[in-house]
N, C-alpha and C. Protein backbone atom coordinates (compact mmCIF):
# COMPACT_ATOMS: atom_id res chain seq x y z
N MET A 1 0.85 -1.20 0.00
CA MET A 1 0.00 0.00 0.00
C MET A 1 0.88 1.24 0.00
N ALA A 2 0.56 2.20 -0.87
CA ALA A 2 1.36 3.43 -0.96
C ALA A 2 1.23 4.22 0.32
N LEU A 3 2.28 4.93 0.66
CA LEU A 3 2.30 5.72 1.88
C LEU A 3 2.13 7.18 1.57
N ALA A 4 1.39 7.89 2.39
CA ALA A 4 1.18 9.32 2.19
C ALA A 4 2.36 10.09 2.76
N LEU A 5 2.70 11.21 2.08
CA LEU A 5 3.75 12.08 2.55
C LEU A 5 3.13 13.31 3.19
N GLY A 6 3.98 14.18 3.71
CA GLY A 6 3.47 15.40 4.33
C GLY A 6 3.75 15.39 5.81
N ALA A 7 2.72 15.80 6.58
CA ALA A 7 2.89 15.90 8.02
C ALA A 7 3.17 14.54 8.65
N ASP A 8 2.72 13.46 7.99
CA ASP A 8 2.89 12.12 8.55
C ASP A 8 4.20 11.48 8.14
N PHE A 9 5.02 12.19 7.40
CA PHE A 9 6.29 11.63 6.94
C PHE A 9 7.21 11.38 8.13
N ASP A 10 7.50 10.12 8.39
CA ASP A 10 8.34 9.72 9.51
C ASP A 10 9.57 9.05 8.95
N GLU A 11 10.64 9.82 8.74
CA GLU A 11 11.82 9.30 8.07
C GLU A 11 12.46 8.13 8.80
N PRO A 12 12.72 8.21 10.12
CA PRO A 12 13.34 7.07 10.80
C PRO A 12 12.53 5.79 10.65
N GLU A 13 11.21 5.89 10.75
CA GLU A 13 10.38 4.69 10.60
C GLU A 13 10.48 4.14 9.19
N LEU A 14 10.44 5.04 8.19
CA LEU A 14 10.52 4.59 6.80
C LEU A 14 11.87 3.93 6.51
N ILE A 15 12.93 4.48 7.08
CA ILE A 15 14.26 3.88 6.89
C ILE A 15 14.31 2.50 7.52
N ALA A 16 13.77 2.38 8.74
CA ALA A 16 13.78 1.09 9.43
C ALA A 16 12.98 0.05 8.66
N ARG A 17 11.85 0.46 8.13
CA ARG A 17 11.02 -0.48 7.36
C ARG A 17 11.69 -0.83 6.04
N SER A 18 12.33 0.16 5.42
CA SER A 18 13.05 -0.09 4.17
C SER A 18 14.18 -1.10 4.39
N ALA A 19 14.86 -0.97 5.52
CA ALA A 19 15.96 -1.88 5.83
C ALA A 19 15.49 -3.32 5.97
N LYS A 20 14.20 -3.49 6.25
CA LYS A 20 13.63 -4.84 6.37
C LYS A 20 13.01 -5.31 5.06
N GLY A 21 13.21 -4.52 3.99
CA GLY A 21 12.72 -4.93 2.68
C GLY A 21 11.35 -4.40 2.30
N ASP A 22 10.83 -3.42 3.05
CA ASP A 22 9.52 -2.83 2.75
C ASP A 22 9.67 -1.86 1.58
N LEU A 23 9.25 -2.28 0.40
CA LEU A 23 9.43 -1.46 -0.80
C LEU A 23 8.55 -0.22 -0.77
N ASP A 24 7.34 -0.33 -0.21
CA ASP A 24 6.47 0.85 -0.11
C ASP A 24 7.12 1.93 0.74
N ALA A 25 7.75 1.52 1.82
CA ALA A 25 8.41 2.50 2.69
C ALA A 25 9.55 3.18 1.94
N PHE A 26 10.33 2.39 1.19
CA PHE A 26 11.44 3.01 0.45
C PHE A 26 10.91 3.91 -0.66
N ASN A 27 9.82 3.52 -1.31
CA ASN A 27 9.23 4.37 -2.34
C ASN A 27 8.80 5.72 -1.77
N ALA A 28 8.35 5.72 -0.51
CA ALA A 28 8.00 6.99 0.13
C ALA A 28 9.24 7.87 0.30
N LEU A 29 10.37 7.25 0.64
CA LEU A 29 11.62 8.01 0.73
C LEU A 29 12.04 8.53 -0.64
N VAL A 30 11.85 7.70 -1.66
CA VAL A 30 12.17 8.13 -3.03
C VAL A 30 11.34 9.33 -3.40
N GLU A 31 10.05 9.26 -3.15
CA GLU A 31 9.16 10.37 -3.50
C GLU A 31 9.57 11.65 -2.78
N HIS A 32 10.02 11.51 -1.55
CA HIS A 32 10.41 12.67 -0.76
C HIS A 32 11.70 13.31 -1.28
N TYR A 33 12.64 12.50 -1.73
CA TYR A 33 13.97 13.00 -2.08
C TYR A 33 14.26 13.07 -3.57
N GLN A 34 13.38 12.55 -4.41
CA GLN A 34 13.74 12.39 -5.82
C GLN A 34 13.97 13.73 -6.52
N ARG A 35 13.19 14.75 -6.21
CA ARG A 35 13.38 16.04 -6.86
C ARG A 35 14.74 16.64 -6.49
N ALA A 36 15.06 16.61 -5.20
CA ALA A 36 16.33 17.18 -4.75
C ALA A 36 17.52 16.41 -5.33
N LEU A 37 17.42 15.08 -5.36
CA LEU A 37 18.53 14.29 -5.87
C LEU A 37 18.70 14.48 -7.37
N PHE A 38 17.58 14.54 -8.09
CA PHE A 38 17.68 14.77 -9.54
C PHE A 38 18.30 16.14 -9.83
N ASN A 39 17.85 17.18 -9.14
CA ASN A 39 18.40 18.51 -9.36
C ASN A 39 19.89 18.55 -9.03
N PHE A 40 20.28 17.85 -7.99
CA PHE A 40 21.69 17.75 -7.62
C PHE A 40 22.49 17.11 -8.75
N CYS A 41 22.02 15.98 -9.25
CA CYS A 41 22.72 15.29 -10.34
C CYS A 41 22.74 16.14 -11.61
N LEU A 42 21.65 16.87 -11.85
CA LEU A 42 21.58 17.73 -13.02
C LEU A 42 22.64 18.82 -12.97
N ARG A 43 22.83 19.42 -11.80
CA ARG A 43 23.83 20.48 -11.67
C ARG A 43 25.25 19.94 -11.81
N LEU A 44 25.46 18.71 -11.39
CA LEU A 44 26.79 18.12 -11.52
C LEU A 44 27.07 17.67 -12.95
N LEU A 45 26.07 17.09 -13.61
CA LEU A 45 26.29 16.46 -14.90
C LEU A 45 25.94 17.37 -16.08
N GLY A 46 24.99 18.29 -15.88
CA GLY A 46 24.63 19.22 -16.93
C GLY A 46 23.73 18.66 -18.00
N SER A 47 23.28 17.43 -17.88
CA SER A 47 22.42 16.79 -18.87
C SER A 47 21.23 16.14 -18.18
N PRO A 48 20.00 16.46 -18.59
CA PRO A 48 18.84 15.82 -17.97
C PRO A 48 18.86 14.31 -18.10
N GLU A 49 19.28 13.81 -19.27
CA GLU A 49 19.31 12.36 -19.47
C GLU A 49 20.32 11.71 -18.54
N ALA A 50 21.51 12.31 -18.45
CA ALA A 50 22.53 11.76 -17.55
C ALA A 50 22.07 11.84 -16.10
N ALA A 51 21.41 12.95 -15.74
CA ALA A 51 20.93 13.11 -14.37
C ALA A 51 19.86 12.08 -14.02
N GLU A 52 18.98 11.79 -14.97
CA GLU A 52 17.96 10.77 -14.74
C GLU A 52 18.60 9.41 -14.51
N ASP A 53 19.59 9.08 -15.33
CA ASP A 53 20.26 7.78 -15.17
C ASP A 53 20.97 7.70 -13.81
N ALA A 54 21.67 8.77 -13.46
CA ALA A 54 22.41 8.77 -12.19
C ALA A 54 21.45 8.70 -11.00
N THR A 55 20.34 9.43 -11.09
CA THR A 55 19.35 9.41 -10.00
C THR A 55 18.78 8.02 -9.81
N GLN A 56 18.42 7.38 -10.91
CA GLN A 56 17.87 6.03 -10.83
C GLN A 56 18.90 5.06 -10.24
N ASP A 57 20.14 5.16 -10.72
CA ASP A 57 21.19 4.28 -10.20
C ASP A 57 21.42 4.52 -8.71
N ALA A 58 21.35 5.79 -8.29
CA ALA A 58 21.58 6.11 -6.89
C ALA A 58 20.50 5.51 -6.00
N PHE A 59 19.25 5.60 -6.42
CA PHE A 59 18.17 5.05 -5.60
C PHE A 59 18.24 3.52 -5.55
N ILE A 60 18.62 2.91 -6.66
CA ILE A 60 18.78 1.45 -6.65
C ILE A 60 19.88 1.05 -5.68
N ALA A 61 21.01 1.77 -5.74
CA ALA A 61 22.11 1.46 -4.83
C ALA A 61 21.72 1.72 -3.39
N ALA A 62 20.95 2.79 -3.15
CA ALA A 62 20.52 3.11 -1.79
C ALA A 62 19.59 2.03 -1.24
N TYR A 63 18.70 1.52 -2.06
CA TYR A 63 17.80 0.47 -1.60
C TYR A 63 18.57 -0.79 -1.22
N ARG A 64 19.58 -1.09 -2.01
CA ARG A 64 20.37 -2.29 -1.73
C ARG A 64 21.21 -2.13 -0.47
N ALA A 65 21.53 -0.89 -0.12
CA ALA A 65 22.44 -0.65 1.02
C ALA A 65 21.75 -0.07 2.23
N VAL A 66 20.43 0.17 2.17
CA VAL A 66 19.77 0.90 3.25
C VAL A 66 19.84 0.14 4.58
N ASN A 67 19.97 -1.17 4.52
CA ASN A 67 20.08 -1.92 5.77
C ASN A 67 21.42 -1.70 6.46
N ARG A 68 22.35 -1.04 5.76
CA ARG A 68 23.66 -0.72 6.36
C ARG A 68 23.75 0.75 6.77
N PHE A 69 22.67 1.50 6.56
CA PHE A 69 22.69 2.90 6.96
C PHE A 69 22.75 3.02 8.47
N ARG A 70 23.67 3.84 8.93
CA ARG A 70 23.81 4.07 10.38
C ARG A 70 23.02 5.31 10.75
N GLY A 71 21.91 5.11 11.42
CA GLY A 71 21.04 6.22 11.76
C GLY A 71 21.61 7.19 12.77
N ASP A 72 22.73 6.83 13.42
CA ASP A 72 23.30 7.73 14.41
C ASP A 72 24.28 8.74 13.79
N ARG A 73 24.45 8.70 12.47
CA ARG A 73 25.35 9.65 11.83
C ARG A 73 24.80 11.06 12.01
N PRO A 74 25.65 12.01 12.40
CA PRO A 74 25.18 13.37 12.68
C PRO A 74 24.49 14.02 11.48
N ALA A 75 25.00 13.79 10.27
CA ALA A 75 24.45 14.46 9.11
C ALA A 75 23.20 13.78 8.56
N GLY A 76 22.96 12.52 8.91
CA GLY A 76 21.70 11.88 8.61
C GLY A 76 21.57 11.27 7.22
N PHE A 77 20.33 10.86 6.94
CA PHE A 77 20.02 10.08 5.75
C PHE A 77 20.23 10.89 4.47
N ARG A 78 19.87 12.16 4.48
CA ARG A 78 20.00 12.97 3.27
C ARG A 78 21.44 13.00 2.78
N ALA A 79 22.38 13.24 3.69
CA ALA A 79 23.78 13.28 3.29
C ALA A 79 24.25 11.90 2.81
N TRP A 80 23.79 10.85 3.46
CA TRP A 80 24.14 9.48 3.04
C TRP A 80 23.64 9.23 1.62
N LEU A 81 22.41 9.65 1.34
CA LEU A 81 21.84 9.46 0.01
C LEU A 81 22.59 10.28 -1.04
N PHE A 82 22.95 11.51 -0.69
CA PHE A 82 23.67 12.35 -1.63
C PHE A 82 25.08 11.80 -1.89
N ARG A 83 25.67 11.16 -0.90
CA ARG A 83 26.97 10.53 -1.12
C ARG A 83 26.84 9.44 -2.17
N ILE A 84 25.79 8.66 -2.10
CA ILE A 84 25.54 7.65 -3.11
C ILE A 84 25.29 8.32 -4.46
N GLY A 85 24.59 9.46 -4.44
CA GLY A 85 24.37 10.21 -5.67
C GLY A 85 25.66 10.70 -6.30
N VAL A 86 26.61 11.13 -5.48
CA VAL A 86 27.92 11.55 -6.00
C VAL A 86 28.59 10.40 -6.73
N ASN A 87 28.59 9.22 -6.12
CA ASN A 87 29.22 8.06 -6.75
C ASN A 87 28.52 7.71 -8.07
N ALA A 88 27.19 7.83 -8.08
CA ALA A 88 26.44 7.55 -9.31
C ALA A 88 26.79 8.55 -10.40
N CYS A 89 26.99 9.81 -10.02
CA CYS A 89 27.37 10.84 -10.99
C CYS A 89 28.77 10.57 -11.54
N TYR A 90 29.69 10.19 -10.67
CA TYR A 90 31.04 9.85 -11.13
C TYR A 90 30.99 8.69 -12.13
N ASP A 91 30.19 7.67 -11.81
CA ASP A 91 30.06 6.53 -12.71
C ASP A 91 29.47 6.96 -14.05
N GLU A 92 28.48 7.84 -13.99
CA GLU A 92 27.84 8.32 -15.21
C GLU A 92 28.81 9.15 -16.05
N LEU A 93 29.63 9.97 -15.40
CA LEU A 93 30.64 10.75 -16.13
C LEU A 93 31.62 9.83 -16.84
N ARG A 94 32.04 8.76 -16.16
CA ARG A 94 32.96 7.82 -16.79
C ARG A 94 32.32 7.13 -17.99
N ARG A 95 31.05 6.76 -17.86
CA ARG A 95 30.36 6.12 -18.98
C ARG A 95 30.21 7.09 -20.15
N ARG A 96 29.87 8.33 -19.85
CA ARG A 96 29.65 9.31 -20.93
C ARG A 96 30.95 9.68 -21.61
N ARG A 97 32.04 9.67 -20.88
CA ARG A 97 33.33 9.96 -21.52
C ARG A 97 33.70 8.86 -22.50
N SER A 98 33.31 7.64 -22.19
CA SER A 98 33.64 6.53 -23.08
C SER A 98 32.75 6.49 -24.31
N ARG A 99 31.58 7.14 -24.24
CA ARG A 99 30.68 7.21 -25.40
C ARG A 99 30.00 8.58 -25.41
N PRO A 100 30.76 9.67 -25.69
CA PRO A 100 30.17 11.02 -25.66
C PRO A 100 29.08 11.17 -26.69
N ALA A 101 27.90 11.54 -26.21
CA ALA A 101 26.78 11.73 -27.13
C ALA A 101 26.03 13.01 -26.85
N VAL A 102 26.24 13.61 -25.67
CA VAL A 102 25.54 14.83 -25.33
C VAL A 102 26.53 15.82 -24.74
N SER A 103 26.18 17.08 -24.79
CA SER A 103 27.02 18.11 -24.18
C SER A 103 26.76 18.15 -22.69
N LEU A 104 27.81 18.18 -21.90
CA LEU A 104 27.67 18.30 -20.46
C LEU A 104 27.86 19.74 -20.01
N ASP A 105 27.87 20.66 -20.98
CA ASP A 105 28.11 22.05 -20.62
C ASP A 105 26.90 22.71 -20.00
N GLU A 106 25.69 22.35 -20.48
CA GLU A 106 24.52 23.11 -20.07
C GLU A 106 23.29 22.24 -20.21
N PRO A 107 22.46 22.11 -19.16
CA PRO A 107 21.27 21.29 -19.26
C PRO A 107 20.21 21.97 -20.11
N ARG A 108 19.61 21.23 -21.07
CA ARG A 108 18.61 21.83 -21.93
C ARG A 108 17.42 20.90 -22.04
N GLY A 109 16.25 21.47 -22.11
CA GLY A 109 15.03 20.72 -22.29
C GLY A 109 14.64 20.67 -23.75
N GLU A 110 13.41 20.22 -24.02
CA GLU A 110 12.97 20.08 -25.39
C GLU A 110 12.91 21.42 -26.11
N SER A 111 12.68 22.49 -25.39
CA SER A 111 12.58 23.81 -26.00
C SER A 111 13.94 24.35 -26.41
N GLY A 112 15.03 23.75 -25.89
CA GLY A 112 16.35 24.27 -26.17
C GLY A 112 16.82 25.30 -25.18
N LEU A 113 15.95 25.71 -24.26
CA LEU A 113 16.34 26.67 -23.24
C LEU A 113 16.99 25.95 -22.08
N ALA A 114 17.89 26.65 -21.40
CA ALA A 114 18.55 26.05 -20.25
C ALA A 114 17.54 25.74 -19.16
N ILE A 115 17.66 24.58 -18.56
CA ILE A 115 16.75 24.18 -17.49
C ILE A 115 17.14 24.90 -16.21
N ASP A 116 16.18 25.43 -15.51
CA ASP A 116 16.42 26.07 -14.22
C ASP A 116 15.52 25.42 -13.21
N VAL A 117 16.09 24.99 -12.08
CA VAL A 117 15.32 24.24 -11.10
C VAL A 117 14.39 25.12 -10.30
N ALA A 118 14.62 26.43 -10.30
CA ALA A 118 13.74 27.33 -9.57
C ALA A 118 12.47 27.57 -10.38
N ASN A 119 11.40 27.99 -9.71
CA ASN A 119 10.17 28.30 -10.39
C ASN A 119 10.35 29.54 -11.27
N PRO A 120 9.94 29.49 -12.55
CA PRO A 120 10.11 30.64 -13.41
C PRO A 120 9.17 31.76 -13.03
N GLY A 121 9.48 32.98 -13.47
CA GLY A 121 8.62 34.13 -13.22
C GLY A 121 7.34 34.01 -14.00
N PRO A 122 6.34 34.80 -13.67
CA PRO A 122 5.03 34.66 -14.30
C PRO A 122 4.95 35.23 -15.71
N THR A 123 5.87 36.11 -16.11
CA THR A 123 5.79 36.73 -17.42
C THR A 123 6.77 36.07 -18.38
N PRO A 124 6.51 36.13 -19.69
CA PRO A 124 7.46 35.56 -20.66
C PRO A 124 8.85 36.17 -20.54
N GLU A 125 8.94 37.46 -20.30
CA GLU A 125 10.24 38.10 -20.17
C GLU A 125 11.01 37.53 -18.98
N GLU A 126 10.31 37.38 -17.85
CA GLU A 126 10.96 36.84 -16.66
C GLU A 126 11.35 35.39 -16.87
N ARG A 127 10.51 34.65 -17.59
CA ARG A 127 10.87 33.26 -17.89
C ARG A 127 12.14 33.19 -18.73
N ALA A 128 12.23 34.07 -19.73
CA ALA A 128 13.42 34.09 -20.59
C ALA A 128 14.66 34.48 -19.79
N GLN A 129 14.51 35.47 -18.90
CA GLN A 129 15.64 35.90 -18.08
C GLN A 129 16.07 34.80 -17.12
N THR A 130 15.09 34.10 -16.55
CA THR A 130 15.41 33.01 -15.64
C THR A 130 16.18 31.90 -16.37
N ALA A 131 15.72 31.56 -17.57
CA ALA A 131 16.40 30.54 -18.35
C ALA A 131 17.81 30.99 -18.73
N GLU A 132 17.95 32.27 -19.10
CA GLU A 132 19.24 32.80 -19.49
C GLU A 132 20.22 32.78 -18.32
N LEU A 133 19.73 33.21 -17.16
CA LEU A 133 20.58 33.21 -15.97
C LEU A 133 20.93 31.78 -15.56
N GLY A 134 19.95 30.88 -15.63
CA GLY A 134 20.22 29.49 -15.29
C GLY A 134 21.28 28.88 -16.18
N GLY A 135 21.23 29.21 -17.47
CA GLY A 135 22.25 28.71 -18.39
C GLY A 135 23.63 29.24 -18.06
N ALA A 136 23.70 30.55 -17.71
CA ALA A 136 24.99 31.15 -17.37
C ALA A 136 25.56 30.51 -16.11
N ILE A 137 24.71 30.30 -15.11
CA ILE A 137 25.17 29.69 -13.86
C ILE A 137 25.64 28.26 -14.11
N GLN A 138 24.86 27.50 -14.91
CA GLN A 138 25.26 26.12 -15.18
C GLN A 138 26.58 26.06 -15.94
N GLU A 139 26.76 26.99 -16.89
CA GLU A 139 28.03 27.02 -17.62
C GLU A 139 29.18 27.31 -16.67
N GLY A 140 28.95 28.24 -15.74
CA GLY A 140 29.99 28.55 -14.75
C GLY A 140 30.27 27.37 -13.84
N LEU A 141 29.22 26.67 -13.41
CA LEU A 141 29.41 25.48 -12.58
C LEU A 141 30.19 24.41 -13.32
N SER A 142 29.86 24.22 -14.60
CA SER A 142 30.54 23.19 -15.38
C SER A 142 32.01 23.51 -15.58
N ALA A 143 32.37 24.80 -15.48
CA ALA A 143 33.77 25.20 -15.66
C ALA A 143 34.60 25.00 -14.39
N LEU A 144 33.93 24.75 -13.26
CA LEU A 144 34.66 24.56 -12.00
C LEU A 144 35.29 23.17 -11.94
N PRO A 145 36.41 23.04 -11.21
CA PRO A 145 36.90 21.69 -10.90
C PRO A 145 35.79 20.91 -10.20
N LEU A 146 35.73 19.62 -10.44
CA LEU A 146 34.59 18.83 -9.96
C LEU A 146 34.42 18.90 -8.45
N ASP A 147 35.53 18.93 -7.69
CA ASP A 147 35.38 18.96 -6.24
C ASP A 147 34.77 20.29 -5.78
N GLN A 148 35.14 21.40 -6.43
CA GLN A 148 34.55 22.69 -6.07
C GLN A 148 33.10 22.78 -6.54
N ARG A 149 32.81 22.25 -7.72
CA ARG A 149 31.43 22.24 -8.21
C ARG A 149 30.53 21.48 -7.25
N LEU A 150 31.00 20.33 -6.80
CA LEU A 150 30.23 19.51 -5.87
C LEU A 150 29.95 20.27 -4.59
N ALA A 151 30.97 20.91 -4.02
CA ALA A 151 30.80 21.63 -2.77
C ALA A 151 29.83 22.80 -2.93
N VAL A 152 29.95 23.55 -4.02
CA VAL A 152 29.06 24.70 -4.24
C VAL A 152 27.62 24.25 -4.45
N VAL A 153 27.43 23.20 -5.24
CA VAL A 153 26.07 22.72 -5.49
C VAL A 153 25.43 22.22 -4.20
N LEU A 154 26.17 21.46 -3.41
CA LEU A 154 25.63 20.95 -2.16
C LEU A 154 25.25 22.07 -1.22
N CYS A 155 26.06 23.12 -1.18
CA CYS A 155 25.82 24.22 -0.25
C CYS A 155 24.77 25.20 -0.77
N ASP A 156 24.99 25.73 -1.98
CA ASP A 156 24.20 26.85 -2.47
C ASP A 156 22.96 26.44 -3.25
N VAL A 157 22.93 25.22 -3.77
CA VAL A 157 21.75 24.76 -4.49
C VAL A 157 20.90 23.85 -3.61
N GLN A 158 21.56 22.90 -2.93
CA GLN A 158 20.82 21.93 -2.12
C GLN A 158 20.63 22.37 -0.68
N GLY A 159 21.42 23.33 -0.22
CA GLY A 159 21.23 23.85 1.12
C GLY A 159 21.73 22.97 2.24
N LEU A 160 22.68 22.07 1.95
CA LEU A 160 23.25 21.24 3.01
C LEU A 160 24.18 22.09 3.87
N ASP A 161 24.27 21.74 5.15
CA ASP A 161 25.21 22.45 6.01
C ASP A 161 26.60 21.81 5.87
N TYR A 162 27.59 22.43 6.51
CA TYR A 162 28.97 21.99 6.33
C TYR A 162 29.17 20.54 6.80
N ALA A 163 28.51 20.16 7.90
CA ALA A 163 28.67 18.79 8.40
C ALA A 163 28.13 17.78 7.39
N GLU A 164 26.99 18.08 6.79
CA GLU A 164 26.42 17.19 5.78
C GLU A 164 27.33 17.11 4.56
N ILE A 165 27.83 18.26 4.12
CA ILE A 165 28.72 18.28 2.95
C ILE A 165 29.99 17.49 3.22
N ALA A 166 30.53 17.63 4.43
CA ALA A 166 31.73 16.88 4.79
C ALA A 166 31.47 15.38 4.70
N GLN A 167 30.28 14.95 5.12
CA GLN A 167 29.94 13.52 5.05
C GLN A 167 29.79 13.10 3.59
N VAL A 168 29.12 13.91 2.79
CA VAL A 168 28.92 13.56 1.39
C VAL A 168 30.26 13.43 0.67
N MET A 169 31.16 14.39 0.92
CA MET A 169 32.42 14.45 0.19
C MET A 169 33.52 13.62 0.83
N GLY A 170 33.32 13.22 2.08
CA GLY A 170 34.33 12.43 2.77
C GLY A 170 35.59 13.21 3.08
N VAL A 171 35.41 14.50 3.43
CA VAL A 171 36.56 15.37 3.74
C VAL A 171 36.26 16.12 5.03
N SER A 172 37.25 16.89 5.49
CA SER A 172 37.10 17.65 6.73
C SER A 172 36.28 18.91 6.51
N LEU A 173 35.80 19.51 7.62
CA LEU A 173 35.05 20.76 7.52
C LEU A 173 35.90 21.86 6.90
N GLY A 174 37.17 21.90 7.25
CA GLY A 174 38.05 22.92 6.69
C GLY A 174 38.17 22.80 5.19
N THR A 175 38.25 21.58 4.71
CA THR A 175 38.33 21.36 3.26
C THR A 175 37.03 21.77 2.58
N VAL A 176 35.91 21.47 3.22
CA VAL A 176 34.61 21.89 2.68
C VAL A 176 34.55 23.40 2.52
N LYS A 177 34.92 24.13 3.57
CA LYS A 177 34.87 25.59 3.51
C LYS A 177 35.79 26.13 2.43
N SER A 178 36.98 25.54 2.31
CA SER A 178 37.93 26.00 1.31
C SER A 178 37.38 25.78 -0.10
N ARG A 179 36.80 24.62 -0.35
CA ARG A 179 36.28 24.33 -1.68
C ARG A 179 35.08 25.21 -2.02
N ILE A 180 34.24 25.47 -1.05
CA ILE A 180 33.10 26.35 -1.29
C ILE A 180 33.58 27.76 -1.61
N ASN A 181 34.51 28.27 -0.82
CA ASN A 181 35.01 29.63 -1.05
C ASN A 181 35.69 29.76 -2.41
N ARG A 182 36.52 28.79 -2.74
CA ARG A 182 37.21 28.83 -4.03
C ARG A 182 36.22 28.68 -5.19
N GLY A 183 35.27 27.79 -5.01
CA GLY A 183 34.27 27.60 -6.07
C GLY A 183 33.43 28.83 -6.28
N ARG A 184 32.97 29.44 -5.20
CA ARG A 184 32.16 30.66 -5.33
C ARG A 184 32.97 31.76 -6.01
N SER A 185 34.23 31.89 -5.63
CA SER A 185 35.08 32.93 -6.21
C SER A 185 35.25 32.72 -7.71
N ARG A 186 35.51 31.49 -8.11
CA ARG A 186 35.67 31.19 -9.54
C ARG A 186 34.36 31.40 -10.30
N LEU A 187 33.26 30.98 -9.70
CA LEU A 187 31.96 31.14 -10.35
C LEU A 187 31.64 32.61 -10.53
N ARG A 188 31.90 33.41 -9.50
CA ARG A 188 31.65 34.86 -9.59
C ARG A 188 32.50 35.48 -10.70
N ALA A 189 33.77 35.11 -10.75
CA ALA A 189 34.66 35.65 -11.77
C ALA A 189 34.20 35.22 -13.17
N PHE A 190 33.76 33.98 -13.28
CA PHE A 190 33.28 33.48 -14.57
C PHE A 190 32.08 34.29 -15.05
N LEU A 191 31.13 34.53 -14.16
CA LEU A 191 29.92 35.25 -14.54
C LEU A 191 30.22 36.71 -14.90
N LEU A 192 31.17 37.32 -14.20
CA LEU A 192 31.50 38.72 -14.47
C LEU A 192 32.19 38.88 -15.82
N THR A 193 32.85 37.85 -16.30
CA THR A 193 33.49 37.94 -17.62
C THR A 193 32.52 37.59 -18.74
N ARG A 194 31.33 37.16 -18.40
CA ARG A 194 30.32 36.78 -19.39
C ARG A 194 29.02 37.53 -19.10
N GLY A 195 29.14 38.83 -18.95
CA GLY A 195 27.98 39.64 -18.61
C GLY A 195 26.87 39.57 -19.62
N GLU A 196 27.23 39.28 -20.89
CA GLU A 196 26.18 39.21 -21.91
C GLU A 196 25.24 38.04 -21.71
N LEU A 197 25.66 37.06 -20.90
CA LEU A 197 24.80 35.91 -20.62
C LEU A 197 23.78 36.20 -19.53
N LEU A 198 23.98 37.31 -18.81
CA LEU A 198 23.12 37.62 -17.68
C LEU A 198 22.02 38.59 -18.07
N PRO A 199 20.85 38.50 -17.44
CA PRO A 199 19.83 39.51 -17.64
C PRO A 199 20.36 40.89 -17.29
N SER A 200 19.76 41.92 -17.85
CA SER A 200 20.28 43.29 -17.72
C SER A 200 20.44 43.71 -16.27
N ARG A 201 19.50 43.32 -15.40
CA ARG A 201 19.60 43.78 -14.01
C ARG A 201 20.83 43.21 -13.32
N PHE A 202 21.26 41.99 -13.75
CA PHE A 202 22.46 41.40 -13.17
C PHE A 202 23.72 42.02 -13.76
N ARG A 203 23.67 42.45 -15.02
CA ARG A 203 24.82 43.12 -15.61
C ARG A 203 25.11 44.41 -14.88
N ARG A 204 24.09 45.14 -14.56
CA ARG A 204 24.30 46.41 -13.86
C ARG A 204 24.89 46.17 -12.47
N THR A 205 24.38 45.13 -11.78
CA THR A 205 24.90 44.84 -10.45
C THR A 205 26.35 44.42 -10.51
N SER A 206 26.68 43.53 -11.46
CA SER A 206 28.06 43.05 -11.55
C SER A 206 28.99 44.17 -11.98
N GLY A 207 28.51 45.10 -12.76
CA GLY A 207 29.35 46.18 -13.23
C GLY A 207 29.73 47.15 -12.14
N ASN A 208 28.98 47.15 -11.06
CA ASN A 208 29.27 48.06 -9.96
C ASN A 208 30.23 47.46 -8.96
N ARG A 209 30.58 46.18 -9.13
CA ARG A 209 31.45 45.53 -8.14
C ARG A 209 32.89 45.85 -8.41
């Protein structure tokens, strides 16, 4: 029987039931985290198709390993799941390098516009600006070294705290902070050298810095 989400979402119970092979319980966890995990993979890989494959692989791996999840970890299930997502993205990158078929520079949908995970504005102009800005940000993210891209996406896109990021990346808090700072600095510099990619209001702001 499918489980309802919302106020009744009890993550520890769902994890415990999943560890005993309850597929409905794990599907509830999937429904809760699938959007965040897909968006995370999309920002790392830059391709919706690659992100879908990595997300699916990550959830399959998580289901197989959920009975080994240690619930006493300070950063919790989300960071554990994202760590599996990182490995799935690395595997997907290796596969795509061996058979390059899509550009990993910028995620694009059927319309050809850059995909943006945030809700678009209500007007066509705002939608176009949102897509344009999303494309510029994704291009900047794709230009970062992978470790810095991962740290920035986890922090600024997914909203994980430093402890969670440290668990996902398997590094110290100091290394997390360093990678985030370096990544943000490089991303900022990248965007400022490509002002034509930004909506006009962002060009004016960057020009004053």
